[in-house]
Amino acid sequence: MDEAQAIGTHGMKLSGQRKLNQRIGRKLWIAGALALGVLAGCDTFDPKADGALDGFTAEQIFQRGEAELNRGQEDDAAFYFGEIERLYPYSEWAKRALIMQAFSYHRDQDYPNSRSAAQRYLDFYPAEEDAAYAQYLLALSYYDQIDAIGRDQGLTFQALQALRAVIERYPDSEYAQASILKFDLAFDHLAAKEMEIGRYYLKRNHFAAAANRFRVVVEDFQTTSHTPEALHRLVETYLSLGLTDEAQTAGAILGYNYQSTEWYQDSFALLTGQGLEMRSVGDNWLSAIYRQVVRGEWL
């Protein structure tokens, strides 16, 4: 037999052995899954009954949890992963199951339980590799509920705090960049809420209340996308209140930073229509901001 034939024969032996190992591994996996799956299909077996899973290994229960997750039964998957934590506490399987339980609950949109599981992981395994993911899931349990502006803004503040924890504690993790993006979006969301309330007051001619809301956006949320409109709304409200110095100064800031926006054009029309200019006038909170803008210390 020449060298090429020898190599080929050796390769075939390795290939055959590899296939045999794969078949054996596959059969063992199926056997473990069926050990629970068959019982789960029996009328007399209730996996949630007391002691029902006591005779199964952590790996078998984990595999059943994965199977339920793959079937889209997130609540049942979370149950199986939770049983591992109960039956095999502090084991390697319990550690893996806990993060999977947090994930399962989150996918089921059961945010309180997802948050609870993620927090337990952080409490028990703060130095483990999946701690960053646990913190990220915890943040998502708040973030994924703030899509509607009208919802409780307390969730937005909690999301910001949890996302900040990911960014600061795990800056090199794969979740840090996603957390930065979501942090900015959540921050923008808070500004949107202030704008919504300000517009509500403005439409009802509650000009002082409206101005207070728009001022919050300009002072506290100046890096968001809502700042140009907030400045324009300040021009509107201050003109309605007869505070022309403040109105002109708000217009001046618009002209300095956002001259290409529609809000600048609208404010320009409002001010010039009353014989006013877009310039900083007087000594007020907006003129202080304008001086900072000119020096490049703001925005």
Protein backbone atom coordinates (compact mmCIF):
# COMPACT_ATOMS: atom_id res chain seq x y z
CA MET A 1 0.00 0.00 0.00
CA ASP A 2 1.50 3.35 -1.00
CA GLU A 3 1.49 6.48 1.19
CA ALA A 4 -1.54 8.03 -0.48
CA GLN A 5 -3.58 4.88 0.03
CA ALA A 6 -2.44 4.66 3.66
CA ILE A 7 -3.49 8.22 4.33
CA GLY A 8 -6.81 7.62 2.61
CA THR A 9 -7.46 4.46 4.61
CA HIS A 10 -6.52 6.22 7.85
CA GLY A 11 -8.80 9.10 6.92
CA MET A 12 -11.68 6.70 6.26
CA LYS A 13 -11.12 5.09 9.65
CA LEU A 14 -11.19 8.47 11.38
CA SER A 15 -14.26 9.50 9.41
CA GLY A 16 -16.03 6.27 10.31
CA GLN A 17 -15.10 6.64 14.00
CA ARG A 18 -16.28 10.27 13.98
CA LYS A 19 -19.62 9.28 12.50
CA LEU A 20 -19.96 6.49 15.07
CA ASN A 21 -19.27 8.94 17.90
CA GLN A 22 -21.81 11.37 16.47
CA ARG A 23 -24.44 8.63 16.24
CA ILE A 24 -23.76 7.53 19.81
CA GLY A 25 -23.87 11.12 21.06
CA ARG A 26 -27.10 11.74 19.16
CA LYS A 27 -28.68 8.62 20.61
CA LEU A 28 -27.65 9.57 24.14
CA TRP A 29 -29.16 13.05 23.65
CA ILE A 30 -32.40 11.58 22.30
CA ALA A 31 -32.53 9.07 25.15
CA GLY A 32 -32.13 11.84 27.69
CA ALA A 33 -34.77 14.00 26.04
CA LEU A 34 -37.18 11.10 25.64
CA ALA A 35 -36.70 10.11 29.26
CA LEU A 36 -38.61 13.26 30.11
CA GLY A 37 -40.57 13.63 26.88
CA VAL A 38 -42.23 10.22 27.09
CA LEU A 39 -43.15 10.71 30.71
CA ALA A 40 -44.47 14.18 29.97
CA GLY A 41 -46.82 12.66 27.44
CA CYS A 42 -48.28 10.19 29.90
CA ASP A 43 -51.56 10.98 31.53
CA THR A 44 -50.23 9.96 34.92
CA PHE A 45 -47.08 12.11 34.78
CA ASP A 46 -47.15 15.72 35.86
CA PRO A 47 -43.67 17.28 35.74
CA LYS A 48 -44.84 20.01 38.10
CA ALA A 49 -46.05 17.59 40.75
CA ASP A 50 -44.01 17.40 43.95
CA GLY A 51 -40.96 15.21 43.42
CA ALA A 52 -41.81 14.41 39.79
CA LEU A 53 -38.35 15.31 38.52
CA ASP A 54 -36.31 14.16 41.49
CA GLY A 55 -35.09 11.03 39.71
CA PHE A 56 -33.69 12.81 36.68
CA THR A 57 -30.23 14.24 36.22
CA ALA A 58 -29.59 17.95 35.87
CA GLU A 59 -28.51 17.39 32.27
CA GLN A 60 -31.73 15.57 31.40
CA ILE A 61 -33.86 18.33 32.88
CA PHE A 62 -31.75 20.96 31.12
CA GLN A 63 -32.25 19.20 27.79
CA ARG A 64 -35.99 19.15 28.38
CA GLY A 65 -35.89 22.88 29.08
CA GLU A 66 -34.06 23.46 25.79
CA ALA A 67 -36.61 21.32 23.96
CA GLU A 68 -39.49 23.36 25.38
CA LEU A 69 -37.69 26.56 24.42
CA ASN A 70 -37.25 25.32 20.87
CA ARG A 71 -40.97 24.52 20.73
CA GLY A 72 -41.81 28.06 21.76
CA GLN A 73 -43.01 27.00 25.20
CA GLU A 74 -40.97 29.57 27.11
CA ASP A 75 -42.96 29.30 30.34
CA ASP A 76 -42.47 25.52 30.50
CA ALA A 77 -38.78 25.95 29.64
CA ALA A 78 -38.37 28.40 32.52
CA PHE A 79 -39.99 25.85 34.84
CA TYR A 80 -37.51 23.11 33.92
CA PHE A 81 -34.54 25.44 34.24
CA GLY A 82 -35.85 26.52 37.64
CA GLU A 83 -36.11 22.90 38.78
CA ILE A 84 -32.40 22.44 38.13
CA GLU A 85 -31.68 25.37 40.42
CA ARG A 86 -33.87 23.76 43.08
CA LEU A 87 -32.66 20.17 42.75
CA TYR A 88 -28.99 20.82 41.99
CA PRO A 89 -28.14 24.15 43.66
CA TYR A 90 -24.67 25.62 43.10
CA SER A 91 -23.87 23.03 40.44
CA GLU A 92 -22.49 23.96 37.04
CA TRP A 93 -25.84 22.98 35.52
CA ALA A 94 -27.68 25.24 37.96
CA LYS A 95 -25.51 28.17 36.90
CA ARG A 96 -26.27 27.53 33.23
CA ALA A 97 -29.94 26.94 33.93
CA LEU A 98 -30.36 30.19 35.83
CA ILE A 99 -29.26 32.38 32.91
CA MET A 100 -31.42 30.27 30.59
CA GLN A 101 -34.37 30.77 32.91
CA ALA A 102 -33.89 34.54 32.75
CA PHE A 103 -33.73 34.33 28.96
CA SER A 104 -36.84 32.11 28.77
CA TYR A 105 -38.88 34.46 30.93
CA HIS A 106 -37.77 37.44 28.88
CA ARG A 107 -38.74 35.77 25.62
CA ASP A 108 -42.12 35.02 27.20
CA GLN A 109 -42.39 38.75 28.06
CA ASP A 110 -42.58 37.84 31.74
CA TYR A 111 -40.33 40.74 32.65
CA PRO A 112 -40.58 40.64 36.47
CA ASN A 113 -39.55 36.97 36.60
CA SER A 114 -36.84 37.53 33.99
CA ARG A 115 -35.47 40.37 36.09
CA SER A 116 -35.61 38.25 39.24
CA ALA A 117 -33.70 35.36 37.63
CA ALA A 118 -31.10 37.70 36.14
CA GLN A 119 -30.59 39.40 39.49
CA ARG A 120 -30.11 36.03 41.23
CA TYR A 121 -27.46 35.17 38.66
CA LEU A 122 -25.67 38.43 39.40
CA ASP A 123 -25.93 37.79 43.15
CA PHE A 124 -24.59 34.22 42.94
CA TYR A 125 -22.14 34.47 40.03
CA PRO A 126 -20.99 38.11 39.72
CA ALA A 127 -17.60 37.19 38.25
CA GLU A 128 -18.80 34.65 35.69
CA GLU A 129 -18.66 35.25 31.94
CA ASP A 130 -22.46 35.38 31.63
CA ALA A 131 -22.78 38.10 34.29
CA ALA A 132 -22.67 40.75 31.56
CA TYR A 133 -25.54 39.04 29.76
CA ALA A 134 -27.50 38.75 33.00
CA GLN A 135 -27.12 42.50 33.58
CA TYR A 136 -28.14 43.13 29.98
CA LEU A 137 -31.26 40.97 30.36
CA LEU A 138 -32.10 42.85 33.54
CA ALA A 139 -31.86 46.13 31.66
CA LEU A 140 -33.97 44.78 28.81
CA SER A 141 -36.67 43.78 31.28
CA TYR A 142 -37.23 47.52 31.77
CA TYR A 143 -36.27 48.78 28.33
CA ASP A 144 -38.63 46.55 26.37
CA GLN A 145 -41.60 48.05 28.20
CA ILE A 146 -40.97 51.72 27.36
CA ASP A 147 -41.82 51.70 23.66
CA ALA A 148 -44.96 53.81 24.17
CA ILE A 149 -44.37 57.41 25.25
CA GLY A 150 -47.47 57.40 27.41
CA ARG A 151 -46.26 54.62 29.69
CA ASP A 152 -44.90 55.10 33.20
CA GLN A 153 -41.60 56.95 32.90
CA GLY A 154 -40.31 55.21 36.01
CA LEU A 155 -39.52 52.25 33.76
CA THR A 156 -37.39 54.50 31.58
CA PHE A 157 -35.34 55.72 34.54
CA GLN A 158 -34.83 52.13 35.71
CA ALA A 159 -33.82 51.08 32.20
CA LEU A 160 -31.28 53.89 32.06
CA GLN A 161 -29.77 52.86 35.39
CA ALA A 162 -29.56 49.19 34.40
CA LEU A 163 -28.11 49.98 30.96
CA ARG A 164 -25.54 52.24 32.56
CA ALA A 165 -24.51 49.33 34.79
CA VAL A 166 -23.79 47.22 31.69
CA ILE A 167 -21.76 50.02 30.12
CA GLU A 168 -19.72 50.77 33.23
CA ARG A 169 -19.22 47.27 34.66
CA TYR A 170 -18.73 45.37 31.41
CA PRO A 171 -17.29 47.91 28.93
CA ASP A 172 -15.47 45.21 26.95
CA SER A 173 -18.43 42.87 26.65
CA GLU A 174 -20.43 42.34 23.47
CA TYR A 175 -23.43 43.92 25.20
CA ALA A 176 -21.82 47.28 25.99
CA GLN A 177 -22.30 48.79 22.53
CA ALA A 178 -25.93 47.66 22.34
CA SER A 179 -26.48 49.14 25.80
CA ILE A 180 -25.03 52.50 24.72
CA LEU A 181 -27.43 52.62 21.78
CA LYS A 182 -30.42 51.69 23.95
CA PHE A 183 -29.32 54.18 26.62
CA ASP A 184 -29.38 56.99 24.05
CA LEU A 185 -32.79 55.88 22.80
CA ALA A 186 -34.20 55.71 26.33
CA PHE A 187 -32.78 59.14 27.09
CA ASP A 188 -34.40 60.46 23.92
CA HIS A 189 -37.63 58.83 25.08
CA LEU A 190 -37.63 60.90 28.29
CA ALA A 191 -37.16 64.07 26.26
CA ALA A 192 -40.05 63.01 24.02
CA LYS A 193 -42.27 62.72 27.08
CA GLU A 194 -41.36 66.24 28.21
CA MET A 195 -42.13 67.53 24.71
CA GLU A 196 -45.47 65.75 24.66
CA ILE A 197 -46.51 67.36 27.94
CA GLY A 198 -45.19 70.76 26.82
CA ARG A 199 -47.21 70.63 23.61
CA TYR A 200 -50.29 69.67 25.61
CA TYR A 201 -49.95 72.80 27.75
CA LEU A 202 -49.12 74.97 24.74
CA LYS A 203 -52.27 73.93 22.87
CA ARG A 204 -54.32 74.90 25.90
CA ASN A 205 -52.57 78.29 26.24
CA HIS A 206 -50.90 77.32 29.54
CA PHE A 207 -47.76 79.09 28.39
CA ALA A 208 -45.78 79.18 31.64
CA ALA A 209 -46.29 75.44 32.22
CA ALA A 210 -45.35 74.72 28.61
CA ALA A 211 -42.20 76.83 28.85
CA ASN A 212 -41.10 74.91 31.94
CA ARG A 213 -41.31 71.62 30.06
CA PHE A 214 -39.43 72.89 27.02
CA ARG A 215 -36.79 74.38 29.30
CA VAL A 216 -36.18 70.93 30.83
CA VAL A 217 -35.46 69.54 27.36
CA VAL A 218 -33.03 72.36 26.51
CA GLU A 219 -31.21 72.17 29.84
CA ASP A 220 -31.25 68.44 30.62
CA PHE A 221 -31.71 66.70 27.25
CA GLN A 222 -29.74 68.95 24.92
CA THR A 223 -28.02 66.01 23.22
CA THR A 224 -31.32 64.50 22.06
CA SER A 225 -33.12 64.99 18.77
CA HIS A 226 -35.82 67.10 20.46
CA THR A 227 -33.71 70.16 21.26
CA PRO A 228 -34.40 72.14 18.03
CA GLU A 229 -38.15 71.82 18.46
CA ALA A 230 -37.90 72.67 22.17
CA LEU A 231 -36.10 75.91 21.30
CA HIS A 232 -38.72 76.77 18.72
CA ARG A 233 -41.51 76.08 21.20
CA LEU A 234 -39.76 78.40 23.65
CA VAL A 235 -39.85 81.11 21.01
CA GLU A 236 -43.61 80.51 20.68
CA THR A 237 -44.34 80.44 24.40
CA TYR A 238 -42.17 83.40 25.34
CA LEU A 239 -43.69 85.52 22.58
CA SER A 240 -47.12 84.58 23.91
CA LEU A 241 -45.99 85.61 27.40
CA GLY A 242 -44.52 88.87 26.13
CA LEU A 243 -40.98 87.85 27.08
CA THR A 244 -39.28 89.03 23.92
CA ASP A 245 -35.72 88.88 25.27
CA GLU A 246 -36.06 85.17 26.00
CA ALA A 247 -37.81 84.52 22.69
CA GLN A 248 -35.08 86.25 20.67
CA THR A 249 -32.34 84.43 22.58
CA ALA A 250 -33.97 81.04 22.00
CA GLY A 251 -34.05 81.95 18.31
CA ALA A 252 -30.39 82.92 18.41
CA ILE A 253 -29.44 79.49 19.78
CA LEU A 254 -31.50 77.88 17.04
CA GLY A 255 -29.69 79.99 14.46
CA TYR A 256 -26.30 79.08 15.85
CA ASN A 257 -26.83 75.31 16.00
CA TYR A 258 -29.82 74.32 13.90
CA GLN A 259 -30.10 76.77 11.02
CA SER A 260 -30.84 73.99 8.53
CA THR A 261 -33.90 72.74 10.42
CA GLU A 262 -37.55 73.59 9.86
CA TRP A 263 -37.73 74.83 13.46
CA TYR A 264 -35.25 77.61 12.68
CA GLN A 265 -37.29 78.70 9.68
CA ASP A 266 -40.50 78.76 11.74
CA SER A 267 -38.89 80.73 14.57
CA PHE A 268 -37.33 83.18 12.12
CA ALA A 269 -40.76 83.84 10.62
CA LEU A 270 -42.34 84.33 14.06
CA LEU A 271 -39.69 86.75 15.31
CA THR A 272 -39.20 88.83 12.19
CA GLY A 273 -42.97 88.98 11.81
CA GLN A 274 -43.02 90.96 15.05
CA GLY A 275 -40.02 93.10 14.16
CA LEU A 276 -37.65 91.10 16.36
CA GLU A 277 -34.26 89.57 15.68
CA MET A 278 -32.67 86.22 16.38
CA ARG A 279 -30.04 87.46 18.81
CA SER A 280 -29.12 87.09 22.45
CA VAL A 281 -30.77 89.83 24.50
CA GLY A 282 -30.79 90.51 28.23
CA ASP A 283 -29.54 88.41 31.12
CA ASN A 284 -31.59 85.23 31.45
CA TRP A 285 -31.10 81.48 31.52
CA LEU A 286 -31.10 81.28 27.71
CA SER A 287 -28.55 84.05 27.31
CA ALA A 288 -26.24 82.12 29.65
CA ILE A 289 -26.63 79.07 27.42
CA TYR A 290 -25.99 81.21 24.35
CA ARG A 291 -22.69 82.43 25.80
CA GLN A 292 -21.68 78.82 26.42
CA VAL A 293 -22.63 77.89 22.87
CA VAL A 294 -20.49 80.68 21.41
CA ARG A 295 -17.54 79.47 23.49
CA GLY A 296 -18.15 75.91 22.32
CA GLU A 297 -18.82 74.59 25.83
CA TRP A 298 -22.34 73.35 25.13
CA LEU A 299 -23.80 70.87 22.61
